[in-house]
Amino acid sequence: MDPWYGLGGADMLDVAHMAVHAVPMTSREAIAWSFAGVTETAARVMGLEGYGLHVGANADLVVLQAADAIEAVRLRAERLFVVRRGRVIARTPSRETSLALEGRPATLDPAAYAPRA
């Protein structure tokens, strides 16, 4: 349960996805901004120590099944790994779609089908 929003699941990627629709913020720049808003900007505002991608950081991260931040928001990307202090604490299998279309691949990774900037 999300303690601040009764219909939410305490998922910040979901918050970013909802924000781009509700505000609306559907340009590529705005979608990237919404992702930053629930990741690095939120960490900075909260004053988290050891946050970021640099030597000596805490090694807390989420590996998403997405080509980039925009695709992560658009797809509500699968969280493949959650790492805390360098240790994998959660894993989720990658999302894969099965197809039954002649002349098409049998499976499709949604993250591999992304528009390029």
C-alpha atoms as a PDB file:
ATOM      1  CA  MET A   1       0.000   0.000   0.000  1.00  0.00           C
ATOM      2  CA  ASP A   2       1.033   3.517  -0.699  1.00  0.00           C
ATOM      3  CA  PRO A   3       0.637   5.520   2.528  1.00  0.00           C
ATOM      4  CA  TRP A   4       0.223   8.832   0.649  1.00  0.00           C
ATOM      5  CA  TYR A   5      -2.082   7.752  -2.189  1.00  0.00           C
ATOM      6  CA  GLY A   6      -4.784   5.146  -1.560  1.00  0.00           C
ATOM      7  CA  LEU A   7      -4.844   3.976  -5.194  1.00  0.00           C
ATOM      8  CA  GLY A   8      -1.056   3.796  -5.504  1.00  0.00           C
ATOM      9  CA  GLY A   9       1.412   1.003  -4.999  1.00  0.00           C
ATOM     10  CA  ALA A  10       4.323   3.073  -3.626  1.00  0.00           C
ATOM     11  CA  ASP A  11       5.964   2.802  -7.050  1.00  0.00           C
ATOM     12  CA  MET A  12       7.780   5.949  -8.130  1.00  0.00           C
ATOM     13  CA  LEU A  13       8.016   4.845 -11.767  1.00  0.00           C
ATOM     14  CA  ASP A  14       4.218   4.618 -11.747  1.00  0.00           C
ATOM     15  CA  VAL A  15       4.109   8.150 -10.301  1.00  0.00           C
ATOM     16  CA  ALA A  16       6.263   9.413 -13.182  1.00  0.00           C
ATOM     17  CA  HIS A  17       4.049   7.613 -15.712  1.00  0.00           C
ATOM     18  CA  MET A  18       0.899   9.103 -14.206  1.00  0.00           C
ATOM     19  CA  ALA A  19       2.433  12.588 -14.062  1.00  0.00           C
ATOM     20  CA  VAL A  20       3.247  12.720 -17.763  1.00  0.00           C
ATOM     21  CA  HIS A  21      -0.425  12.002 -18.497  1.00  0.00           C
ATOM     22  CA  ALA A  22      -2.034  14.149 -15.822  1.00  0.00           C
ATOM     23  CA  VAL A  23      -0.022  17.342 -16.269  1.00  0.00           C
ATOM     24  CA  PRO A  24       0.459  16.665 -19.432  1.00  0.00           C
ATOM     25  CA  MET A  25       4.205  16.391 -19.963  1.00  0.00           C
ATOM     26  CA  THR A  26       4.486  14.228 -23.064  1.00  0.00           C
ATOM     27  CA  SER A  27       7.510  15.732 -24.838  1.00  0.00           C
ATOM     28  CA  ARG A  28      10.676  13.624 -24.670  1.00  0.00           C
ATOM     29  CA  GLU A  29      12.305  16.304 -22.500  1.00  0.00           C
ATOM     30  CA  ALA A  30       9.373  16.376 -20.066  1.00  0.00           C
ATOM     31  CA  ILE A  31       9.260  12.578 -19.788  1.00  0.00           C
ATOM     32  CA  ALA A  32      12.991  12.532 -19.005  1.00  0.00           C
ATOM     33  CA  TRP A  33      12.400  15.290 -16.451  1.00  0.00           C
ATOM     34  CA  SER A  34       9.648  13.211 -14.780  1.00  0.00           C
ATOM     35  CA  PHE A  35      12.045  10.253 -14.492  1.00  0.00           C
ATOM     36  CA  ALA A  36      14.695  12.496 -12.936  1.00  0.00           C
ATOM     37  CA  GLY A  37      12.014  13.825 -10.594  1.00  0.00           C
ATOM     38  CA  VAL A  38      11.462  10.405  -9.029  1.00  0.00           C
ATOM     39  CA  THR A  39      15.140   9.413  -9.010  1.00  0.00           C
ATOM     40  CA  GLU A  40      18.071  11.839  -8.798  1.00  0.00           C
ATOM     41  CA  THR A  41      16.070  14.992  -8.010  1.00  0.00           C
ATOM     42  CA  ALA A  42      14.144  13.222  -5.249  1.00  0.00           C
ATOM     43  CA  ALA A  43      17.397  11.876  -3.773  1.00  0.00           C
ATOM     44  CA  ARG A  44      18.934  15.360  -3.821  1.00  0.00           C
ATOM     45  CA  VAL A  45      15.877  16.934  -2.160  1.00  0.00           C
ATOM     46  CA  MET A  46      15.899  14.219   0.526  1.00  0.00           C
ATOM     47  CA  GLY A  47      19.618  14.798   1.094  1.00  0.00           C
ATOM     48  CA  LEU A  48      20.541  11.144   0.602  1.00  0.00           C
ATOM     49  CA  GLU A  49      24.195  10.432   1.304  1.00  0.00           C
ATOM     50  CA  GLY A  50      26.148   8.304  -1.164  1.00  0.00           C
ATOM     51  CA  TYR A  51      23.580   8.596  -3.967  1.00  0.00           C
ATOM     52  CA  GLY A  52      24.568   8.472  -7.632  1.00  0.00           C
ATOM     53  CA  LEU A  53      26.854   6.709 -10.058  1.00  0.00           C
ATOM     54  CA  HIS A  54      30.355   7.385  -8.812  1.00  0.00           C
ATOM     55  CA  VAL A  55      33.173   5.647  -6.985  1.00  0.00           C
ATOM     56  CA  GLY A  56      32.238   5.297  -3.327  1.00  0.00           C
ATOM     57  CA  ALA A  57      28.469   5.503  -3.867  1.00  0.00           C
ATOM     58  CA  ASN A  58      26.249   3.112  -1.928  1.00  0.00           C
ATOM     59  CA  ALA A  59      25.595   0.753  -4.882  1.00  0.00           C
ATOM     60  CA  ASP A  60      21.825   1.062  -4.393  1.00  0.00           C
ATOM     61  CA  LEU A  61      20.114   0.784  -7.759  1.00  0.00           C
ATOM     62  CA  VAL A  62      17.289  -0.660  -9.791  1.00  0.00           C
ATOM     63  CA  VAL A  63      18.025  -2.231 -13.180  1.00  0.00           C
ATOM     64  CA  LEU A  64      15.110  -1.601 -15.528  1.00  0.00           C
ATOM     65  CA  GLN A  65      14.139  -3.422 -18.721  1.00  0.00           C
ATOM     66  CA  ALA A  66      14.258  -0.270 -20.840  1.00  0.00           C
ATOM     67  CA  ALA A  67      16.568   1.351 -23.363  1.00  0.00           C
ATOM     68  CA  ASP A  68      16.547   4.701 -21.527  1.00  0.00           C
ATOM     69  CA  ALA A  69      14.673   6.807 -18.978  1.00  0.00           C
ATOM     70  CA  ILE A  70      11.965   7.820 -21.453  1.00  0.00           C
ATOM     71  CA  GLU A  71      11.244   4.204 -22.345  1.00  0.00           C
ATOM     72  CA  ALA A  72      11.266   3.270 -18.646  1.00  0.00           C
ATOM     73  CA  VAL A  73       8.413   5.717 -18.021  1.00  0.00           C
ATOM     74  CA  ARG A  74       6.556   4.890 -21.249  1.00  0.00           C
ATOM     75  CA  LEU A  75       6.660   1.123 -20.700  1.00  0.00           C
ATOM     76  CA  ARG A  76       6.441   1.163 -16.907  1.00  0.00           C
ATOM     77  CA  ALA A  77       9.525  -0.981 -17.270  1.00  0.00           C
ATOM     78  CA  GLU A  78      10.022  -4.266 -15.491  1.00  0.00           C
ATOM     79  CA  ARG A  79      12.417  -4.024 -12.547  1.00  0.00           C
ATOM     80  CA  LEU A  80      14.912  -6.758 -13.389  1.00  0.00           C
ATOM     81  CA  PHE A  81      17.103  -6.353 -10.301  1.00  0.00           C
ATOM     82  CA  VAL A  82      17.004  -4.330  -7.122  1.00  0.00           C
ATOM     83  CA  VAL A  83      20.450  -3.876  -5.607  1.00  0.00           C
ATOM     84  CA  ARG A  84      21.040  -2.589  -2.103  1.00  0.00           C
ATOM     85  CA  ARG A  85      24.559  -1.866  -0.892  1.00  0.00           C
ATOM     86  CA  GLY A  86      25.885  -3.966  -3.788  1.00  0.00           C
ATOM     87  CA  ARG A  87      23.734  -7.023  -3.047  1.00  0.00           C
ATOM     88  CA  VAL A  88      20.843  -8.153  -5.281  1.00  0.00           C
ATOM     89  CA  ILE A  89      17.799  -8.250  -2.984  1.00  0.00           C
ATOM     90  CA  ALA A  90      15.076  -8.782  -5.611  1.00  0.00           C
ATOM     91  CA  ARG A  91      14.860 -10.215  -9.133  1.00  0.00           C
ATOM     92  CA  THR A  92      12.056 -10.226 -11.661  1.00  0.00           C
ATOM     93  CA  PRO A  93      12.149 -12.126 -14.963  1.00  0.00           C
ATOM     94  CA  SER A  94      12.232  -9.913 -18.026  1.00  0.00           C
ATOM     95  CA  ARG A  95       8.929  -9.268 -19.742  1.00  0.00           C
ATOM     96  CA  GLU A  96       8.528 -11.068 -23.062  1.00  0.00           C
ATOM     97  CA  THR A  97       5.580 -11.166 -25.414  1.00  0.00           C
ATOM     98  CA  SER A  98       4.784 -14.269 -27.471  1.00  0.00           C
ATOM     99  CA  LEU A  99       3.662 -13.657 -31.034  1.00  0.00           C
ATOM    100  CA  ALA A 100       1.743 -15.893 -33.432  1.00  0.00           C
ATOM    101  CA  LEU A 101       2.171 -13.822 -36.599  1.00  0.00           C
ATOM    102  CA  GLU A 102       3.554 -15.278 -39.790  1.00  0.00           C
ATOM    103  CA  GLY A 103       6.859 -13.722 -40.778  1.00  0.00           C
ATOM    104  CA  ARG A 104       7.381 -12.185 -37.335  1.00  0.00           C
ATOM    105  CA  PRO A 105       9.613 -13.325 -34.468  1.00  0.00           C
ATOM    106  CA  ALA A 106       8.095 -15.792 -32.012  1.00  0.00           C
ATOM    107  CA  THR A 107       8.869 -13.507 -29.065  1.00  0.00           C
ATOM    108  CA  LEU A 108       9.359  -9.804 -28.502  1.00  0.00           C
ATOM    109  CA  ASP A 109      11.162  -7.915 -25.750  1.00  0.00           C
ATOM    110  CA  PRO A 110       9.178  -4.676 -25.348  1.00  0.00           C
ATOM    111  CA  ALA A 111      12.340  -2.801 -24.356  1.00  0.00           C
ATOM    112  CA  ALA A 112      13.984  -3.722 -27.680  1.00  0.00           C
ATOM    113  CA  TYR A 113      11.200  -1.990 -29.597  1.00  0.00           C
ATOM    114  CA  ALA A 114      11.827   1.627 -28.780  1.00  0.00           C
ATOM    115  CA  PRO A 115      11.821   4.730 -30.937  1.00  0.00           C
ATOM    116  CA  ARG A 116      15.241   6.333 -31.204  1.00  0.00           C
ATOM    117  CA  ALA A 117      15.800  10.034 -30.662  1.00  0.00           C
END
